[in-house]
Each structure stands twice: as structure tokens, then as C-alpha cells.
Protein backbone atom coordinates (compact mmCIF):
# COMPACT_ATOMS: atom_id res chain seq x y z
CA MET A 1 -0.22 0.15 0.22
CA VAL A 2 1.05 3.61 -0.98
CA ALA A 3 -0.01 6.22 1.96
CA THR A 4 1.83 9.36 -0.83
CA GLN A 5 -1.29 10.15 -2.11
CA ASN A 6 -1.20 13.89 -0.03
CA ILE A 7 2.30 14.35 -2.14
CA GLY A 8 0.99 14.42 -5.44
CA HIS A 9 4.03 14.05 -8.20
CA ALA A 10 3.46 17.61 -9.53
CA ASP A 11 4.01 18.98 -5.59
CA ALA A 12 6.54 16.40 -5.11
CA SER A 13 8.70 17.89 -8.02
CA ASP A 14 8.68 21.44 -6.58
CA GLN A 15 9.69 20.40 -3.47
CA ARG A 16 13.08 18.52 -5.71
CA GLN A 17 14.18 16.24 -2.93
CA TRP A 18 12.25 14.04 -0.38
CA THR A 19 11.87 10.88 2.15
CA LEU A 20 9.68 8.85 2.75
CA MET A 21 9.70 5.79 5.76
CA TRP A 22 7.69 2.70 5.03
CA ARG A 23 5.65 0.53 7.92
CA GLU A 24 4.18 -3.06 6.33
CA ASP A 25 0.86 -1.47 8.25
CA GLY A 26 0.74 1.99 6.42
CA GLY A 27 2.76 1.87 3.25
CA LEU A 28 5.12 5.07 2.46
CA MET A 29 4.52 8.24 4.87
CA PRO A 30 7.10 11.61 4.86
CA SER A 31 9.94 11.73 7.23
CA ARG A 32 13.07 13.22 7.55
CA ALA A 33 15.80 11.41 5.47
CA VAL A 34 18.54 10.03 8.20
CA PRO A 35 22.15 10.45 7.99
CA ASP A 36 24.44 7.92 5.60
CA SER A 37 26.31 6.92 8.24
CA ALA A 38 23.24 4.87 9.65
CA LEU A 39 22.33 2.74 6.42
CA LEU A 40 23.25 -0.96 6.54
CA ALA A 41 22.08 -1.15 3.14
CA ALA A 42 21.13 1.00 -0.16
CA ASP A 43 20.37 1.06 -3.84
CA SER A 44 20.01 3.72 -6.15
CA TRP A 45 19.77 3.79 -9.93
CA LEU A 46 19.08 6.44 -12.75
CA VAL A 47 15.15 7.19 -13.16
CA ASP A 48 14.62 9.21 -16.87
CA ASP A 49 10.81 10.89 -17.81
CA GLY A 50 9.85 7.17 -16.13
CA ARG A 51 12.70 4.74 -17.63
CA VAL A 52 15.25 2.46 -16.02
CA ARG A 53 18.59 0.82 -16.71
CA GLY A 54 17.94 -3.24 -15.26
CA LEU A 55 15.68 -2.25 -12.43
CA ASP A 56 15.32 -6.19 -11.80
CA HIS A 57 19.31 -6.08 -11.16
CA HIS A 58 18.74 -3.15 -8.31
CA ARG A 59 15.92 -5.03 -6.99
CA ARG A 60 18.07 -8.64 -6.47
CA ARG A 61 20.88 -6.71 -5.32
CA PHE A 62 18.87 -4.62 -2.80
CA VAL A 63 16.77 -6.87 -1.37
CA ALA A 64 20.30 -9.55 -0.84
CA ALA A 65 21.97 -6.68 0.69
CA CYS A 66 18.78 -6.35 3.29
CA VAL A 67 18.67 -10.01 4.28
CA GLU A 68 22.47 -10.17 4.53
CA ALA A 69 22.58 -6.90 6.82
CA SER A 70 19.73 -7.33 9.30
CA GLY A 71 18.60 -10.80 8.90
CA ASP A 72 14.79 -9.59 7.10
CA SER A 73 12.63 -11.67 4.98
CA PRO A 74 12.95 -10.86 1.24
CA ALA A 75 9.37 -11.00 1.23
CA ARG A 76 8.93 -7.71 3.28
CA ILE A 77 11.36 -6.03 1.54
CA GLU A 78 9.92 -6.38 -1.62
CA SER A 79 6.74 -5.41 -0.47
CA PHE A 80 8.41 -2.58 0.04
CA TRP A 81 10.16 -2.08 -2.93
CA ARG A 82 6.91 -2.72 -4.97
CA ASP A 83 5.65 0.59 -2.66
CA ALA A 84 8.92 2.51 -3.47
CA ILE A 85 8.49 1.71 -7.56
CA ALA A 86 4.82 2.70 -7.23
CA ALA A 87 5.94 6.60 -5.74
CA LEU A 88 8.58 7.41 -8.00
CA PRO A 89 8.30 10.41 -10.63
CA ARG A 90 7.29 9.18 -14.00
CA THR A 91 8.71 12.86 -15.10
CA GLU A 92 12.27 14.65 -15.22
CA ARG A 93 15.44 12.90 -14.15
CA TRP A 94 15.73 11.36 -10.64
CA PHE A 95 18.05 9.53 -8.90
CA PRO A 96 16.06 7.65 -6.36
CA ARG A 97 17.71 5.64 -3.46
CA VAL A 98 15.99 2.51 -1.24
CA GLU A 99 17.48 2.49 2.06
CA LEU A 100 17.74 0.47 5.27
CA ALA A 101 19.24 2.22 8.15
CA GLY A 102 19.71 1.09 12.05
CA PRO A 103 20.21 0.46 14.79
CA GLU A 104 17.46 -2.43 15.77
CA PRO A 105 14.77 -1.78 14.59
CA ALA A 106 15.67 -1.45 11.33
CA ARG A 107 13.73 0.34 8.80
CA LEU A 108 13.47 0.73 5.10
CA PHE A 109 13.40 4.59 3.70
CA LEU A 110 12.98 5.89 -0.02
CA ARG A 111 14.64 8.70 -0.38
CA VAL A 112 13.59 10.80 -4.15
CA ARG A 113 16.80 13.04 -5.51
CA PRO A 114 16.82 14.82 -8.34
CA ALA A 115 19.85 13.34 -11.06
CA PRO A 116 22.65 15.19 -10.88
CA PRO A 117 23.88 16.23 -14.42
CA ARG A 118 25.09 13.86 -16.64
CA THR A 119 29.08 13.43 -17.74
CA VAL A 120 30.26 11.85 -20.82
CA ASN A 121 34.07 11.37 -19.53
CA VAL A 122 35.97 10.84 -16.43
CA THR A 123 39.05 12.42 -14.89
CA VAL A 124 40.62 9.80 -12.26
CA CYS A 125 42.11 10.13 -9.49
CA LEU A 126 45.08 7.58 -8.35
CA THR A 127 46.48 7.53 -4.89
CA GLU A 128 48.78 5.52 -2.75
CA GLU A 129 46.17 4.40 -0.49
CA PHE A 130 44.42 0.63 -1.48
CA ASP A 131 40.97 0.42 -0.81
CA PRO A 132 39.29 1.49 2.80
CA ARG A 133 35.99 0.08 2.99
CA SER A 134 34.65 -1.87 5.32
CA HIS A 135 31.59 -3.50 3.33
CA PRO A 136 32.91 -3.42 -0.24
CA ARG A 137 30.30 -5.87 -1.11
CA ARG A 138 27.64 -4.14 0.07
CA THR A 139 26.18 -0.08 -0.72
CA GLY A 140 25.31 1.71 2.76
CA PRO A 141 27.99 1.39 5.38
CA ASP A 142 30.49 2.90 3.43
CA LEU A 143 28.91 5.93 1.86
CA SER A 144 30.16 8.60 4.06
CA LEU A 145 33.62 7.40 3.48
CA LEU A 146 33.27 6.93 -0.06
CA ALA A 147 31.76 10.50 -0.49
CA HIS A 148 34.99 11.70 1.56
CA LEU A 149 37.18 10.29 -1.32
CA ARG A 150 35.56 11.75 -4.00
CA GLU A 151 35.24 15.06 -2.10
CA ARG A 152 39.40 14.46 -2.25
CA ALA A 153 39.55 13.60 -5.82
CA ALA A 154 37.02 16.56 -6.56
CA ALA A 155 40.45 18.90 -4.67
CA ARG A 156 42.66 17.91 -7.27
CA GLY A 157 40.53 18.19 -10.01
CA ALA A 158 39.27 14.30 -10.70
CA GLN A 159 35.30 13.26 -10.64
CA GLU A 160 36.41 9.92 -9.02
CA LEU A 161 38.58 7.80 -7.14
CA LEU A 162 40.34 4.47 -7.87
CA LEU A 163 40.43 1.62 -5.32
CA THR A 164 43.13 -0.93 -5.30
CA THR A 165 43.86 -3.52 -2.96
CA PRO A 166 47.17 -3.49 -0.75
CA SER A 167 49.11 -5.04 -3.91
CA GLY A 168 47.70 -2.76 -6.07
CA LEU A 169 45.41 -4.22 -8.15
CA VAL A 170 42.24 -2.58 -9.74
CA LEU A 171 39.22 -2.49 -7.64
CA GLU A 172 37.03 0.19 -8.65
CA GLY A 173 35.36 3.93 -8.74
CA THR A 174 34.31 4.97 -5.55
CA ALA A 175 30.79 4.63 -7.17
CA ALA A 176 31.12 3.10 -10.35
CA SER A 177 32.31 -0.42 -12.01
CA VAL A 178 36.09 -0.14 -14.24
CA VAL A 179 36.23 -2.05 -17.09
CA TRP A 180 39.06 -1.86 -19.78
CA TRP A 181 40.17 -2.78 -23.24
CA GLU A 182 42.93 -5.41 -24.35
CA ASP A 183 42.86 -5.34 -27.57
CA ASP A 184 39.39 -6.54 -28.71
CA VAL A 185 38.89 -8.56 -25.21
CA LEU A 186 36.73 -6.44 -23.03
CA CYS A 187 38.05 -6.97 -19.43
CA LEU A 188 37.24 -6.40 -15.74
CA PRO A 189 38.17 -7.61 -12.07
CA PRO A 190 38.11 -10.85 -11.14
CA PRO A 191 34.61 -11.47 -9.11
CA GLU A 192 36.85 -13.20 -5.94
CA LEU A 193 38.30 -9.45 -5.35
CA PRO A 194 36.22 -6.89 -2.73
CA LEU A 195 33.50 -5.68 -5.65
CA LEU A 196 30.28 -4.02 -5.74
CA ALA A 197 28.34 -6.63 -8.48
CA GLY A 198 27.41 -3.24 -10.50
CA VAL A 199 24.56 -3.48 -12.38
CA THR A 200 25.62 -1.34 -15.50
CA SER A 201 28.62 -3.74 -15.75
CA ALA A 202 26.37 -6.61 -15.67
CA LEU A 203 24.15 -5.41 -18.51
CA ILE A 204 27.67 -4.40 -20.59
CA GLN A 205 28.49 -8.04 -20.17
CA ASP A 206 25.24 -9.47 -21.26
CA ARG A 207 25.56 -6.91 -24.47
CA ALA A 208 28.68 -8.45 -24.86
CA ALA A 209 27.78 -12.13 -24.67
CA GLU A 210 25.35 -10.86 -27.40
CA LEU A 211 27.82 -9.94 -29.76
CA GLY A 212 30.15 -12.51 -29.73
CA VAL A 213 32.76 -9.57 -27.85
CA ARG A 214 35.17 -11.96 -25.91
CA THR A 215 34.94 -10.68 -22.23
CA GLU A 216 37.68 -12.17 -19.73
CA HIS A 217 38.08 -11.21 -15.71
CA ARG A 218 41.72 -10.29 -15.08
CA ARG A 219 44.13 -9.18 -12.24
CA ARG A 220 45.64 -6.26 -13.59
CA THR A 221 47.66 -3.27 -11.47
CA VAL A 222 47.29 0.74 -12.01
CA GLN A 223 50.18 0.40 -14.52
CA GLU A 224 49.07 -2.02 -16.37
CA LEU A 225 46.14 0.48 -17.63
CA ASP A 226 48.42 2.45 -19.31
CA GLY A 227 47.40 3.79 -23.26
CA ARG A 228 44.65 1.40 -22.54
CA GLU A 229 40.73 2.43 -23.53
CA VAL A 230 38.89 2.65 -19.80
CA TRP A 231 35.67 2.76 -18.75
CA LEU A 232 33.88 3.91 -14.94
CA VAL A 233 30.25 2.55 -15.55
CA ASN A 234 26.93 3.48 -13.12
CA ALA A 235 23.59 3.78 -13.10
CA VAL A 236 23.85 7.33 -13.26
CA HIS A 237 26.23 8.56 -16.16
CA GLY A 238 26.20 5.45 -17.97
CA ILE A 239 29.66 4.65 -19.87
CA ARG A 240 32.02 7.47 -19.58
CA PRO A 241 35.86 6.62 -20.48
CA VAL A 242 38.93 7.68 -18.82
CA THR A 243 40.05 10.94 -20.24
CA ALA A 244 42.84 11.62 -17.42
CA TRP A 245 44.60 10.17 -14.42
CA LEU A 246 45.63 12.57 -12.27
CA GLY A 247 48.37 11.26 -9.49
CA ARG A 248 50.35 9.13 -11.49
CA PRO A 249 52.29 9.79 -15.23
CA LEU A 250 49.45 7.56 -16.75
CA ARG A 251 48.17 7.42 -20.30
CA ALA A 252 44.55 7.96 -20.95
CA GLY A 253 43.79 5.40 -23.93
CA PRO A 254 41.60 6.40 -26.83
CA ALA A 255 38.20 6.23 -26.44
CA LEU A 256 37.56 4.35 -29.52
CA ARG A 257 34.66 1.76 -28.47
CA ALA A 258 33.15 4.21 -26.32
CA ALA A 259 30.40 6.41 -28.08
CA SER A 260 28.58 3.31 -29.83
CA TRP A 261 28.36 1.89 -26.50
CA GLN A 262 27.17 4.62 -25.04
CA THR A 263 24.17 4.97 -28.27
CA TRP A 264 23.03 1.34 -26.96
CA LEU A 265 23.43 2.21 -23.21
CA ASP A 266 20.82 4.92 -23.56
CA GLY A 267 18.61 2.54 -25.73
CA VAL A 268 18.17 0.10 -22.37
CA PRO A 269 15.87 1.70 -20.01
CA ASP A 270 12.63 -0.17 -19.43
CA ARG A 271 9.07 1.92 -19.19
CA LEU A 272 7.96 1.89 -15.59
CA THR A 273 4.80 0.79 -15.10
CA ALA A 274 2.30 2.95 -14.06
CA PRO A 275 1.98 4.30 -10.20
CA ILE A 276 -0.70 2.54 -8.12
CA PRO A 277 -3.96 4.30 -7.47
């Protein structure tokens, strides 16, 4: 049930950002936003005029994260999810986030936010520090830390910061998966490394399989990306080729394939079903 009829989408659009808390016996209702430090699990995606990429991937990832974090029943999380999707605006660009927040008892929230401006390429900061996350496979507990790392990267003129293992192996960005090309092979870090299961990365791998493009998981150090076409990929920006590396003498390779894959990804989103009346 969705108890948000008094928050019409037109009025909500004027408000620009709002939070709803979910109750099993009452649906969604207005609430204060919880701090990122309280998050046990979260998931975000882009809604562009009522269209979304890979929404079912996001649903499965969020349900699994909530079950892991709190032991909650999948059926309860699914019920919240249905109400949350029904409450989303169907016009304009939004970047909603579903949240499980503690302490006990953990509560479920929907935070509706305007989408940030889209960028088509990215400058990445490289540091000597390795991945500091406590829960790399689950979005939520480390969001405050990752935001701080992005702020540090921004102070140096970059939009992202690359996370690595203590031995220097490439992992991912603070808010994006990393993929790269070695000749005609699409490469990704091996899944046994501490990585978040990226939805956009999964869609790209599916597309590669359809096209007969060879895909491999390879362990690579930052230096081994020198001169290669590297993409940072996520829900809000899609595919962004790396056009500059900051912090080390690394060359960004020419983005020979990015434009055609960006065009394909722009055509992937599916339309949300109509809101529940």
C-alpha cells in the first residue's frame, strides 16, 4: 500500500528532494532523511522520464543486501520495493535511493533526489592508498567514507578516485565499476576480489555476449592500464571513458569504442509501470 496520495508528483517535483519511510501496516509516509552513517544497505538508479536501466538487477541486489545486513525476510523487502517503485515520479530525471537504516529495528526508506548532471567522460585520481571500505560488497555502510574520497579527488580536479587492493590491483571507483579493453577483449576485475556487483557492468557483459565479444576477468595493476581504453560505468552516468589520470604518469588510451556502446546503453532503459492508484 502507498500512503502518499497527499504528496502529488507535481508538488513533489517542486520540492525537488524528499524522503518517505515505509511501514508494513501503512505504506510510505513523509519522513526526515536518515544520515548516511546509519545506512545498513542502499541502492540507487537513474529514472529518466519514467525509464530505468536494469531495475530488476537493482531489486535483487537490494533485497540480498537487506537480508545480509539485518536478516529481514525477502518478502518484506519485496513489499517495500513495490511501494517504492509505485511512488517514483514518471517525468524528469531523478536518482532515487532505497535505504535500510539502523539501529534496531532497521527501517526502510525511499529517498527521491534529482539526478546529478550527466557527464560523458571522467578524470580519475590515483593515490597510494588502498581500498578502505569495511563492506565492499554492500552499498550503504561505506557511503560517507566514499563521499569523502570523492571530495578529495574533486579537490585535485578529478570526478572519481580509483580503489585498489593493498598489492595495487585495480578494483573499482568510489561509485562506479571499472572495465577496460585489451585488444578486442573486454576486461573486468575478477569477482573474487572485494567488489560491488555493478548493475551497469552486468548489462555491458550481457551485451558483449550477444555481440560475441570476448570477456575476461583479469588481475591488473594500475600501471597495466597505461594507454588502454578504460571505462567507469554506473547507473547515473552510464559509460564514461577515462580521459585523464591524476596522481601518476599514466596515459589515458583513446576511447575508440565508447561512443557506440554509450548509444546502445541509452536505448536500454525500460518504462516503469504506472503508479499504483
